[in-house]
Amino acid sequence: MVREGSAPNFCPPVEEGITISVADERGDEMTLEFLGLILHEGKSYGFFMPVDDDNPVLSSGELVLLEVVDEDEEGQPSEFELVFDEAIAAEVYEAFREATKDLYLFE
């Protein structure tokens, strides 16, 4: 079953457990579980959770916020960048918390 958010600015994943692999600035690969997108002031921001042996898909943990900077020919996010602006990160995180308050528990 796919979870559905109640906010118009939230795009949930099409199915639970979707992961992507990304490389950091040093070239180290990391697997991230996709939790959904927030649309904020004309930009899209993806929320992810790192996945590894200690934190499998569909578990809980630290959130990673990435801005969508490019899309493929089908309009799907294809390239992301870390969000360094703390004010924007705080706004987008609060929007994500509000949109997904019935889906996830936040500490």
PDB file of N, CA and C in Angstrom:
ATOM      1  N   MET A   1       0.835  -1.183   0.000  1.00  0.00           N
ATOM      2  CA  MET A   1       0.000   0.000   0.000  1.00  0.00           C
ATOM      3  C   MET A   1       0.880   1.246   0.000  1.00  0.00           C
ATOM      4  N   VAL A   2       0.545   2.199  -0.803  1.00  0.00           N
ATOM      5  CA  VAL A   2       1.299   3.449  -0.891  1.00  0.00           C
ATOM      6  C   VAL A   2       0.709   4.438   0.101  1.00  0.00           C
ATOM      7  N   ARG A   3       1.591   5.112   0.815  1.00  0.00           N
ATOM      8  CA  ARG A   3       1.137   6.135   1.748  1.00  0.00           C
ATOM      9  C   ARG A   3       0.759   7.389   0.970  1.00  0.00           C
ATOM     10  N   GLU A   4      -0.208   8.120   1.487  1.00  0.00           N
ATOM     11  CA  GLU A   4      -0.626   9.356   0.831  1.00  0.00           C
ATOM     12  C   GLU A   4      -0.584  10.501   1.826  1.00  0.00           C
ATOM     13  N   GLY A   5       0.056  11.583   1.427  1.00  0.00           N
ATOM     14  CA  GLY A   5       0.067  12.773   2.265  1.00  0.00           C
ATOM     15  C   GLY A   5      -1.190  13.584   2.009  1.00  0.00           C
ATOM     16  N   SER A   6      -1.490  14.465   2.925  1.00  0.00           N
ATOM     17  CA  SER A   6      -2.732  15.235   2.792  1.00  0.00           C
ATOM     18  C   SER A   6      -2.492  16.657   2.302  1.00  0.00           C
ATOM     19  N   ALA A   7      -1.251  17.036   2.079  1.00  0.00           N
ATOM     20  CA  ALA A   7      -0.956  18.408   1.676  1.00  0.00           C
ATOM     21  C   ALA A   7      -0.753  18.498   0.163  1.00  0.00           C
ATOM     22  N   PRO A   8      -1.241  19.580  -0.464  1.00  0.00           N
ATOM     23  CA  PRO A   8      -1.103  19.722  -1.914  1.00  0.00           C
ATOM     24  C   PRO A   8       0.343  19.945  -2.370  1.00  0.00           C
ATOM     25  N   ASN A   9       1.238  20.320  -1.464  1.00  0.00           N
ATOM     26  CA  ASN A   9       2.640  20.546  -1.822  1.00  0.00           C
ATOM     27  C   ASN A   9       3.508  19.319  -1.596  1.00  0.00           C
ATOM     28  N   PHE A  10       2.903  18.168  -1.286  1.00  0.00           N
ATOM     29  CA  PHE A  10       3.650  16.941  -1.009  1.00  0.00           C
ATOM     30  C   PHE A  10       3.404  15.912  -2.097  1.00  0.00           C
ATOM     31  N   CYS A  11       4.491  15.364  -2.637  1.00  0.00           N
ATOM     32  CA  CYS A  11       4.415  14.297  -3.633  1.00  0.00           C
ATOM     33  C   CYS A  11       5.023  13.051  -3.005  1.00  0.00           C
ATOM     34  N   PRO A  12       4.190  12.078  -2.606  1.00  0.00           N
ATOM     35  CA  PRO A  12       4.726  10.870  -1.988  1.00  0.00           C
ATOM     36  C   PRO A  12       5.380   9.971  -3.030  1.00  0.00           C
ATOM     37  N   PRO A  13       6.189   9.018  -2.570  1.00  0.00           N
ATOM     38  CA  PRO A  13       6.753   8.061  -3.528  1.00  0.00           C
ATOM     39  C   PRO A  13       5.635   7.221  -4.144  1.00  0.00           C
ATOM     40  N   VAL A  14       5.853   6.724  -5.356  1.00  0.00           N
ATOM     41  CA  VAL A  14       4.833   5.912  -6.008  1.00  0.00           C
ATOM     42  C   VAL A  14       4.679   4.560  -5.333  1.00  0.00           C
ATOM     43  N   GLU A  15       5.706   4.123  -4.611  1.00  0.00           N
ATOM     44  CA  GLU A  15       5.627   2.915  -3.801  1.00  0.00           C
ATOM     45  C   GLU A  15       6.645   3.031  -2.674  1.00  0.00           C
ATOM     46  N   GLU A  16       6.395   2.332  -1.585  1.00  0.00           N
ATOM     47  CA  GLU A  16       7.311   2.382  -0.449  1.00  0.00           C
ATOM     48  C   GLU A  16       8.593   1.628  -0.772  1.00  0.00           C
ATOM     49  N   GLY A  17       9.686   2.085  -0.180  1.00  0.00           N
ATOM     50  CA  GLY A  17      10.954   1.377  -0.299  1.00  0.00           C
ATOM     51  C   GLY A  17      11.787   1.726  -1.516  1.00  0.00           C
ATOM     52  N   ILE A  18      11.441   2.798  -2.237  1.00  0.00           N
ATOM     53  CA  ILE A  18      12.228   3.213  -3.398  1.00  0.00           C
ATOM     54  C   ILE A  18      13.556   3.780  -2.908  1.00  0.00           C
ATOM     55  N   THR A  19      14.648   3.326  -3.503  1.00  0.00           N
ATOM     56  CA  THR A  19      15.964   3.844  -3.127  1.00  0.00           C
ATOM     57  C   THR A  19      16.684   4.391  -4.355  1.00  0.00           C
ATOM     58  N   ILE A  20      17.610   5.308  -4.087  1.00  0.00           N
ATOM     59  CA  ILE A  20      18.504   5.821  -5.124  1.00  0.00           C
ATOM     60  C   ILE A  20      19.920   5.746  -4.576  1.00  0.00           C
ATOM     61  N   SER A  21      20.884   5.712  -5.465  1.00  0.00           N
ATOM     62  CA  SER A  21      22.282   5.780  -5.065  1.00  0.00           C
ATOM     63  C   SER A  21      22.830   7.128  -5.488  1.00  0.00           C
ATOM     64  N   VAL A  22      23.534   7.771  -4.572  1.00  0.00           N
ATOM     65  CA  VAL A  22      24.145   9.063  -4.854  1.00  0.00           C
ATOM     66  C   VAL A  22      25.613   9.006  -4.442  1.00  0.00           C
ATOM     67  N   ALA A  23      26.404   9.874  -5.049  1.00  0.00           N
ATOM     68  CA  ALA A  23      27.818   9.990  -4.695  1.00  0.00           C
ATOM     69  C   ALA A  23      28.027  11.356  -4.059  1.00  0.00           C
ATOM     70  N   ASP A  24      28.791  11.373  -2.958  1.00  0.00           N
ATOM     71  CA  ASP A  24      29.087  12.654  -2.327  1.00  0.00           C
ATOM     72  C   ASP A  24      30.243  13.332  -3.053  1.00  0.00           C
ATOM     73  N   GLU A  25      30.681  14.482  -2.529  1.00  0.00           N
ATOM     74  CA  GLU A  25      31.729  15.252  -3.198  1.00  0.00           C
ATOM     75  C   GLU A  25      33.050  14.504  -3.283  1.00  0.00           C
ATOM     76  N   ARG A  26      33.239  13.486  -2.435  1.00  0.00           N
ATOM     77  CA  ARG A  26      34.466  12.666  -2.473  1.00  0.00           C
ATOM     78  C   ARG A  26      34.313  11.457  -3.383  1.00  0.00           C
ATOM     79  N   GLY A  27      33.093  11.262  -3.908  1.00  0.00           N
ATOM     80  CA  GLY A  27      32.845  10.120  -4.776  1.00  0.00           C
ATOM     81  C   GLY A  27      32.367   8.883  -4.034  1.00  0.00           C
ATOM     82  N   ASP A  28      32.145   8.993  -2.723  1.00  0.00           N
ATOM     83  CA  ASP A  28      31.642   7.864  -1.943  1.00  0.00           C
ATOM     84  C   ASP A  28      30.156   7.662  -2.230  1.00  0.00           C
ATOM     85  N   GLU A  29      29.778   6.418  -2.524  1.00  0.00           N
ATOM     86  CA  GLU A  29      28.381   6.092  -2.826  1.00  0.00           C
ATOM     87  C   GLU A  29      27.569   5.920  -1.543  1.00  0.00           C
ATOM     88  N   MET A  30      26.306   6.335  -1.604  1.00  0.00           N
ATOM     89  CA  MET A  30      25.387   6.190  -0.484  1.00  0.00           C
ATOM     90  C   MET A  30      24.025   5.816  -1.054  1.00  0.00           C
ATOM     91  N   THR A  31      23.332   4.904  -0.380  1.00  0.00           N
ATOM     92  CA  THR A  31      21.986   4.537  -0.790  1.00  0.00           C
ATOM     93  C   THR A  31      21.001   5.278   0.102  1.00  0.00           C
ATOM     94  N   LEU A  32      20.003   5.906  -0.529  1.00  0.00           N
ATOM     95  CA  LEU A  32      19.003   6.687   0.187  1.00  0.00           C
ATOM     96  C   LEU A  32      17.610   6.185  -0.157  1.00  0.00           C
ATOM     97  N   GLU A  33      16.766   6.045   0.862  1.00  0.00           N
ATOM     98  CA  GLU A  33      15.359   5.708   0.649  1.00  0.00           C
ATOM     99  C   GLU A  33      14.585   6.997   0.409  1.00  0.00           C
ATOM    100  N   PHE A  34      13.800   7.041  -0.651  1.00  0.00           N
ATOM    101  CA  PHE A  34      13.006   8.219  -1.007  1.00  0.00           C
ATOM    102  C   PHE A  34      11.724   8.251  -0.183  1.00  0.00           C
ATOM    103  N   LEU A  35      11.497   9.369   0.521  1.00  0.00           N
ATOM    104  CA  LEU A  35      10.312   9.519   1.368  1.00  0.00           C
ATOM    105  C   LEU A  35       9.269  10.452   0.769  1.00  0.00           C
ATOM    106  N   GLY A  36       9.660  11.265  -0.207  1.00  0.00           N
ATOM    107  CA  GLY A  36       8.709  12.165  -0.843  1.00  0.00           C
ATOM    108  C   GLY A  36       9.321  13.504  -1.191  1.00  0.00           C
ATOM    109  N   LEU A  37       8.588  14.270  -1.987  1.00  0.00           N
ATOM    110  CA  LEU A  37       9.014  15.607  -2.408  1.00  0.00           C
ATOM    111  C   LEU A  37       8.101  16.662  -1.792  1.00  0.00           C
ATOM    112  N   ILE A  38       8.701  17.784  -1.476  1.00  0.00           N
ATOM    113  CA  ILE A  38       7.948  18.968  -1.062  1.00  0.00           C
ATOM    114  C   ILE A  38       8.173  20.038  -2.128  1.00  0.00           C
ATOM    115  N   LEU A  39       7.087  20.646  -2.594  1.00  0.00           N
ATOM    116  CA  LEU A  39       7.168  21.753  -3.534  1.00  0.00           C
ATOM    117  C   LEU A  39       7.128  23.029  -2.707  1.00  0.00           C
ATOM    118  N   HIS A  40       8.157  23.875  -2.871  1.00  0.00           N
ATOM    119  CA  HIS A  40       8.276  25.073  -2.041  1.00  0.00           C
ATOM    120  C   HIS A  40       8.848  26.215  -2.871  1.00  0.00           C
ATOM    121  N   GLU A  41       8.060  27.274  -3.020  1.00  0.00           N
ATOM    122  CA  GLU A  41       8.472  28.476  -3.746  1.00  0.00           C
ATOM    123  C   GLU A  41       9.066  28.164  -5.123  1.00  0.00           C
ATOM    124  N   GLY A  42       8.373  27.326  -5.869  1.00  0.00           N
ATOM    125  CA  GLY A  42       8.759  27.021  -7.237  1.00  0.00           C
ATOM    126  C   GLY A  42       9.879  26.001  -7.393  1.00  0.00           C
ATOM    127  N   LYS A  43      10.332  25.425  -6.305  1.00  0.00           N
ATOM    128  CA  LYS A  43      11.392  24.412  -6.359  1.00  0.00           C
ATOM    129  C   LYS A  43      10.904  23.130  -5.703  1.00  0.00           C
ATOM    130  N   SER A  44      11.571  22.026  -6.042  1.00  0.00           N
ATOM    131  CA  SER A  44      11.239  20.726  -5.461  1.00  0.00           C
ATOM    132  C   SER A  44      12.381  20.268  -4.568  1.00  0.00           C
ATOM    133  N   TYR A  45      12.003  19.712  -3.415  1.00  0.00           N
ATOM    134  CA  TYR A  45      12.976  19.228  -2.440  1.00  0.00           C
ATOM    135  C   TYR A  45      12.620  17.794  -2.068  1.00  0.00           C
ATOM    136  N   GLY A  46      13.597  16.914  -2.157  1.00  0.00           N
ATOM    137  CA  GLY A  46      13.382  15.519  -1.818  1.00  0.00           C
ATOM    138  C   GLY A  46      13.865  15.197  -0.420  1.00  0.00           C
ATOM    139  N   PHE A  47      13.077  14.385   0.280  1.00  0.00           N
ATOM    140  CA  PHE A  47      13.456  13.902   1.605  1.00  0.00           C
ATOM    141  C   PHE A  47      13.834  12.436   1.492  1.00  0.00           C
ATOM    142  N   PHE A  48      14.967  12.105   2.080  1.00  0.00           N
ATOM    143  CA  PHE A  48      15.538  10.773   1.987  1.00  0.00           C
ATOM    144  C   PHE A  48      16.042  10.330   3.353  1.00  0.00           C
ATOM    145  N   MET A  49      16.238   9.016   3.480  1.00  0.00           N
ATOM    146  CA  MET A  49      16.838   8.458   4.679  1.00  0.00           C
ATOM    147  C   MET A  49      17.957   7.518   4.237  1.00  0.00           C
ATOM    148  N   PRO A  50      19.173   7.687   4.809  1.00  0.00           N
ATOM    149  CA  PRO A  50      20.262   6.780   4.459  1.00  0.00           C
ATOM    150  C   PRO A  50      19.906   5.333   4.802  1.00  0.00           C
ATOM    151  N   VAL A  51      20.276   4.414   3.905  1.00  0.00           N
ATOM    152  CA  VAL A  51      20.005   2.992   4.076  1.00  0.00           C
ATOM    153  C   VAL A  51      21.345   2.264   4.115  1.00  0.00           C
ATOM    154  N   ASP A  52      21.512   1.415   5.137  1.00  0.00           N
ATOM    155  CA  ASP A  52      22.695   0.559   5.221  1.00  0.00           C
ATOM    156  C   ASP A  52      22.326  -0.683   6.025  1.00  0.00           C
ATOM    157  N   ASP A  53      23.317  -1.489   6.390  1.00  0.00           N
ATOM    158  CA  ASP A  53      23.033  -2.725   7.126  1.00  0.00           C
ATOM    159  C   ASP A  53      22.330  -2.470   8.451  1.00  0.00           C
ATOM    160  N   ASP A  54      22.678  -1.368   9.117  1.00  0.00           N
ATOM    161  CA  ASP A  54      22.074  -1.051  10.412  1.00  0.00           C
ATOM    162  C   ASP A  54      20.736  -0.328  10.285  1.00  0.00           C
ATOM    163  N   ASN A  55      20.482   0.275   9.127  1.00  0.00           N
ATOM    164  CA  ASN A  55      19.251   1.033   8.877  1.00  0.00           C
ATOM    165  C   ASN A  55      18.650   0.594   7.547  1.00  0.00           C
ATOM    166  N   PRO A  56      17.899  -0.532   7.559  1.00  0.00           N
ATOM    167  CA  PRO A  56      17.340  -1.042   6.298  1.00  0.00           C
ATOM    168  C   PRO A  56      16.197  -0.164   5.782  1.00  0.00           C
ATOM    169  N   VAL A  57      15.798  -0.419   4.548  1.00  0.00           N
ATOM    170  CA  VAL A  57      14.664   0.267   3.942  1.00  0.00           C
ATOM    171  C   VAL A  57      13.445   0.091   4.842  1.00  0.00           C
ATOM    172  N   LEU A  58      12.626   1.124   4.928  1.00  0.00           N
ATOM    173  CA  LEU A  58      11.403   1.173   5.722  1.00  0.00           C
ATOM    174  C   LEU A  58      11.656   1.211   7.226  1.00  0.00           C
ATOM    175  N   SER A  59      12.879   1.527   7.634  1.00  0.00           N
ATOM    176  CA  SER A  59      13.156   1.716   9.057  1.00  0.00           C
ATOM    177  C   SER A  59      13.096   3.213   9.349  1.00  0.00           C
ATOM    178  N   SER A  60      13.650   3.639  10.469  1.00  0.00           N
ATOM    179  CA  SER A  60      13.650   5.063  10.786  1.00  0.00           C
ATOM    180  C   SER A  60      15.081   5.536  10.967  1.00  0.00           C
ATOM    181  N   GLY A  61      15.268   6.843  10.928  1.00  0.00           N
ATOM    182  CA  GLY A  61      16.607   7.380  11.091  1.00  0.00           C
ATOM    183  C   GLY A  61      16.679   8.841  10.695  1.00  0.00           C
ATOM    184  N   GLU A  62      17.884   9.268  10.412  1.00  0.00           N
ATOM    185  CA  GLU A  62      18.182  10.657  10.066  1.00  0.00           C
ATOM    186  C   GLU A  62      17.646  10.991   8.680  1.00  0.00           C
ATOM    187  N   LEU A  63      17.124  12.207   8.520  1.00  0.00           N
ATOM    188  CA  LEU A  63      16.632  12.657   7.221  1.00  0.00           C
ATOM    189  C   LEU A  63      17.709  13.426   6.469  1.00  0.00           C
ATOM    190  N   VAL A  64      17.711  13.262   5.148  1.00  0.00           N
ATOM    191  CA  VAL A  64      18.591  14.018   4.263  1.00  0.00           C
ATOM    192  C   VAL A  64      17.685  14.820   3.334  1.00  0.00           C
ATOM    193  N   LEU A  65      17.953  16.121   3.218  1.00  0.00           N
ATOM    194  CA  LEU A  65      17.178  17.006   2.358  1.00  0.00           C
ATOM    195  C   LEU A  65      18.023  17.374   1.145  1.00  0.00           C
ATOM    196  N   LEU A  66      17.498  17.103  -0.046  1.00  0.00           N
ATOM    197  CA  LEU A  66      18.193  17.420  -1.286  1.00  0.00           C
ATOM    198  C   LEU A  66      17.262  18.210  -2.203  1.00  0.00           C
ATOM    199  N   GLU A  67      17.808  19.233  -2.856  1.00  0.00           N
ATOM    200  CA  GLU A  67      17.038  20.001  -3.836  1.00  0.00           C
ATOM    201  C   GLU A  67      17.130  19.330  -5.190  1.00  0.00           C
ATOM    202  N   VAL A  68      16.006  19.247  -5.887  1.00  0.00           N
ATOM    203  CA  VAL A  68      15.989  18.726  -7.253  1.00  0.00           C
ATOM    204  C   VAL A  68      16.553  19.809  -8.161  1.00  0.00           C
ATOM    205  N   VAL A  69      17.633  19.502  -8.876  1.00  0.00           N
ATOM    206  CA  VAL A  69      18.242  20.499  -9.761  1.00  0.00           C
ATOM    207  C   VAL A  69      18.123  20.125 -11.238  1.00  0.00           C
ATOM    208  N   ASP A  70      17.649  18.910 -11.521  1.00  0.00           N
ATOM    209  CA  ASP A  70      17.435  18.516 -12.917  1.00  0.00           C
ATOM    210  C   ASP A  70      16.405  17.395 -12.961  1.00  0.00           C
ATOM    211  N   GLU A  71      15.690  17.316 -14.092  1.00  0.00           N
ATOM    212  CA  GLU A  71      14.685  16.281 -14.299  1.00  0.00           C
ATOM    213  C   GLU A  71      14.982  15.549 -15.598  1.00  0.00           C
ATOM    214  N   ASP A  72      14.512  14.295 -15.688  1.00  0.00           N
ATOM    215  CA  ASP A  72      14.687  13.534 -16.921  1.00  0.00           C
ATOM    216  C   ASP A  72      13.605  13.931 -17.925  1.00  0.00           C
ATOM    217  N   GLU A  73      13.580  13.265 -19.075  1.00  0.00           N
ATOM    218  CA  GLU A  73      12.634  13.615 -20.129  1.00  0.00           C
ATOM    219  C   GLU A  73      11.179  13.360 -19.732  1.00  0.00           C
ATOM    220  N   GLU A  74      10.953  12.560 -18.678  1.00  0.00           N
ATOM    221  CA  GLU A  74       9.602  12.287 -18.203  1.00  0.00           C
ATOM    222  C   GLU A  74       9.186  13.210 -17.048  1.00  0.00           C
ATOM    223  N   GLY A  75      10.062  14.175 -16.714  1.00  0.00           N
ATOM    224  CA  GLY A  75       9.754  15.103 -15.642  1.00  0.00           C
ATOM    225  C   GLY A  75      10.048  14.578 -14.252  1.00  0.00           C
ATOM    226  N   GLN A  76      10.750  13.451 -14.176  1.00  0.00           N
ATOM    227  CA  GLN A  76      11.106  12.875 -12.877  1.00  0.00           C
ATOM    228  C   GLN A  76      12.455  13.418 -12.418  1.00  0.00           C
ATOM    229  N   PRO A  77      12.628  13.644 -11.110  1.00  0.00           N
ATOM    230  CA  PRO A  77      13.920  14.142 -10.611  1.00  0.00           C
ATOM    231  C   PRO A  77      15.064  13.216 -11.012  1.00  0.00           C
ATOM    232  N   SER A  78      16.140  13.805 -11.525  1.00  0.00           N
ATOM    233  CA  SER A  78      17.284  12.990 -11.940  1.00  0.00           C
ATOM    234  C   SER A  78      18.602  13.467 -11.346  1.00  0.00           C
ATOM    235  N   GLU A  79      18.602  14.676 -10.784  1.00  0.00           N
ATOM    236  CA  GLU A  79      19.832  15.203 -10.183  1.00  0.00           C
ATOM    237  C   GLU A  79      19.462  16.030  -8.957  1.00  0.00           C
ATOM    238  N   PHE A  80      20.252  15.853  -7.904  1.00  0.00           N
ATOM    239  CA  PHE A  80      19.978  16.512  -6.633  1.00  0.00           C
ATOM    240  C   PHE A  80      21.231  17.198  -6.100  1.00  0.00           C
ATOM    241  N   GLU A  81      21.027  18.193  -5.234  1.00  0.00           N
ATOM    242  CA  GLU A  81      22.118  18.860  -4.522  1.00  0.00           C
ATOM    243  C   GLU A  81      21.701  19.051  -3.073  1.00  0.00           C
ATOM    244  N   LEU A  82      22.683  19.037  -2.174  1.00  0.00           N
ATOM    245  CA  LEU A  82      22.409  19.327  -0.772  1.00  0.00           C
ATOM    246  C   LEU A  82      21.893  20.747  -0.620  1.00  0.00           C
ATOM    247  N   VAL A  83      21.028  20.972   0.354  1.00  0.00           N
ATOM    248  CA  VAL A  83      20.501  22.301   0.654  1.00  0.00           C
ATOM    249  C   VAL A  83      21.371  22.886   1.763  1.00  0.00           C
ATOM    250  N   PHE A  84      22.085  23.979   1.454  1.00  0.00           N
ATOM    251  CA  PHE A  84      22.979  24.590   2.425  1.00  0.00           C
ATOM    252  C   PHE A  84      22.357  25.780   3.150  1.00  0.00           C
ATOM    253  N   ASP A  85      21.309  26.363   2.573  1.00  0.00           N
ATOM    254  CA  ASP A  85      20.646  27.508   3.192  1.00  0.00           C
ATOM    255  C   ASP A  85      19.781  27.010   4.348  1.00  0.00           C
ATOM    256  N   GLU A  86      20.198  27.301   5.576  1.00  0.00           N
ATOM    257  CA  GLU A  86      19.511  26.785   6.757  1.00  0.00           C
ATOM    258  C   GLU A  86      18.084  27.292   6.878  1.00  0.00           C
ATOM    259  N   ALA A  87      17.810  28.522   6.449  1.00  0.00           N
ATOM    260  CA  ALA A  87      16.455  29.063   6.530  1.00  0.00           C
ATOM    261  C   ALA A  87      15.517  28.308   5.589  1.00  0.00           C
ATOM    262  N   ILE A  88      15.969  28.062   4.368  1.00  0.00           N
ATOM    263  CA  ILE A  88      15.146  27.300   3.413  1.00  0.00           C
ATOM    264  C   ILE A  88      14.972  25.875   3.908  1.00  0.00           C
ATOM    265  N   ALA A  89      16.050  25.260   4.400  1.00  0.00           N
ATOM    266  CA  ALA A  89      15.966  23.893   4.917  1.00  0.00           C
ATOM    267  C   ALA A  89      14.937  23.804   6.038  1.00  0.00           C
ATOM    268  N   ALA A  90      14.922  24.787   6.931  1.00  0.00           N
ATOM    269  CA  ALA A  90      13.974  24.783   8.049  1.00  0.00           C
ATOM    270  C   ALA A  90      12.535  24.917   7.541  1.00  0.00           C
ATOM    271  N   GLU A  91      12.313  25.799   6.573  1.00  0.00           N
ATOM    272  CA  GLU A  91      10.970  25.988   6.010  1.00  0.00           C
ATOM    273  C   GLU A  91      10.469  24.715   5.330  1.00  0.00           C
ATOM    274  N   VAL A  92      11.343  24.110   4.528  1.00  0.00           N
ATOM    275  CA  VAL A  92      10.963  22.917   3.778  1.00  0.00           C
ATOM    276  C   VAL A  92      10.747  21.737   4.731  1.00  0.00           C
ATOM    277  N   TYR A  93      11.601  21.616   5.743  1.00  0.00           N
ATOM    278  CA  TYR A  93      11.446  20.544   6.731  1.00  0.00           C
ATOM    279  C   TYR A  93      10.113  20.695   7.467  1.00  0.00           C
ATOM    280  N   GLU A  94       9.759  21.903   7.843  1.00  0.00           N
ATOM    281  CA  GLU A  94       8.490  22.120   8.545  1.00  0.00           C
ATOM    282  C   GLU A  94       7.315  21.771   7.635  1.00  0.00           C
ATOM    283  N   ALA A  95       7.414  22.114   6.352  1.00  0.00           N
ATOM    284  CA  ALA A  95       6.358  21.756   5.392  1.00  0.00           C
ATOM    285  C   ALA A  95       6.250  20.240   5.253  1.00  0.00           C
ATOM    286  N   PHE A  96       7.398  19.543   5.244  1.00  0.00           N
ATOM    287  CA  PHE A  96       7.412  18.079   5.162  1.00  0.00           C
ATOM    288  C   PHE A  96       6.768  17.475   6.414  1.00  0.00           C
ATOM    289  N   ARG A  97       7.131  17.998   7.579  1.00  0.00           N
ATOM    290  CA  ARG A  97       6.556  17.495   8.840  1.00  0.00           C
ATOM    291  C   ARG A  97       5.041  17.658   8.831  1.00  0.00           C
ATOM    292  N   GLU A  98       4.566  18.816   8.400  1.00  0.00           N
ATOM    293  CA  GLU A  98       3.128  19.078   8.372  1.00  0.00           C
ATOM    294  C   GLU A  98       2.430  18.155   7.371  1.00  0.00           C
ATOM    295  N   ALA A  99       3.020  18.002   6.188  1.00  0.00           N
ATOM    296  CA  ALA A  99       2.404  17.193   5.132  1.00  0.00           C
ATOM    297  C   ALA A  99       2.386  15.706   5.468  1.00  0.00           C
ATOM    298  N   THR A 100       3.333  15.253   6.280  1.00  0.00           N
ATOM    299  CA  THR A 100       3.457  13.819   6.546  1.00  0.00           C
ATOM    300  C   THR A 100       3.199  13.460   8.010  1.00  0.00           C
ATOM    301  N   LYS A 101       2.566  14.354   8.752  1.00  0.00           N
ATOM    302  CA  LYS A 101       2.372  14.130  10.182  1.00  0.00           C
ATOM    303  C   LYS A 101       1.565  12.863  10.473  1.00  0.00           C
ATOM    304  N   ASP A 102       0.737  12.425   9.536  1.00  0.00           N
ATOM    305  CA  ASP A 102      -0.027  11.192   9.723  1.00  0.00           C
ATOM    306  C   ASP A 102       0.722   9.960   9.210  1.00  0.00           C
ATOM    307  N   LEU A 103       1.886  10.168   8.588  1.00  0.00           N
ATOM    308  CA  LEU A 103       2.669   9.066   8.027  1.00  0.00           C
ATOM    309  C   LEU A 103       3.898   8.712   8.863  1.00  0.00           C
ATOM    310  N   TYR A 104       4.555   9.731   9.396  1.00  0.00           N
ATOM    311  CA  TYR A 104       5.819   9.535  10.101  1.00  0.00           C
ATOM    312  C   TYR A 104       5.768  10.168  11.483  1.00  0.00           C
ATOM    313  N   LEU A 105       6.541   9.612  12.402  1.00  0.00           N
ATOM    314  CA  LEU A 105       6.697  10.195  13.740  1.00  0.00           C
ATOM    315  C   LEU A 105       8.009  10.976  13.760  1.00  0.00           C
ATOM    316  N   PHE A 106       7.974  12.206  14.228  1.00  0.00           N
ATOM    317  CA  PHE A 106       9.170  13.049  14.290  1.00  0.00           C
ATOM    318  C   PHE A 106       9.544  13.283  15.736  1.00  0.00           C
ATOM    319  N   GLU A 107      10.842  13.246  16.010  1.00  0.00           N
ATOM    320  CA  GLU A 107      11.343  13.526  17.361  1.00  0.00           C
ATOM    321  C   GLU A 107      11.744  14.963  17.493  1.00  0.00           C
TER     322      GLU A 107
END
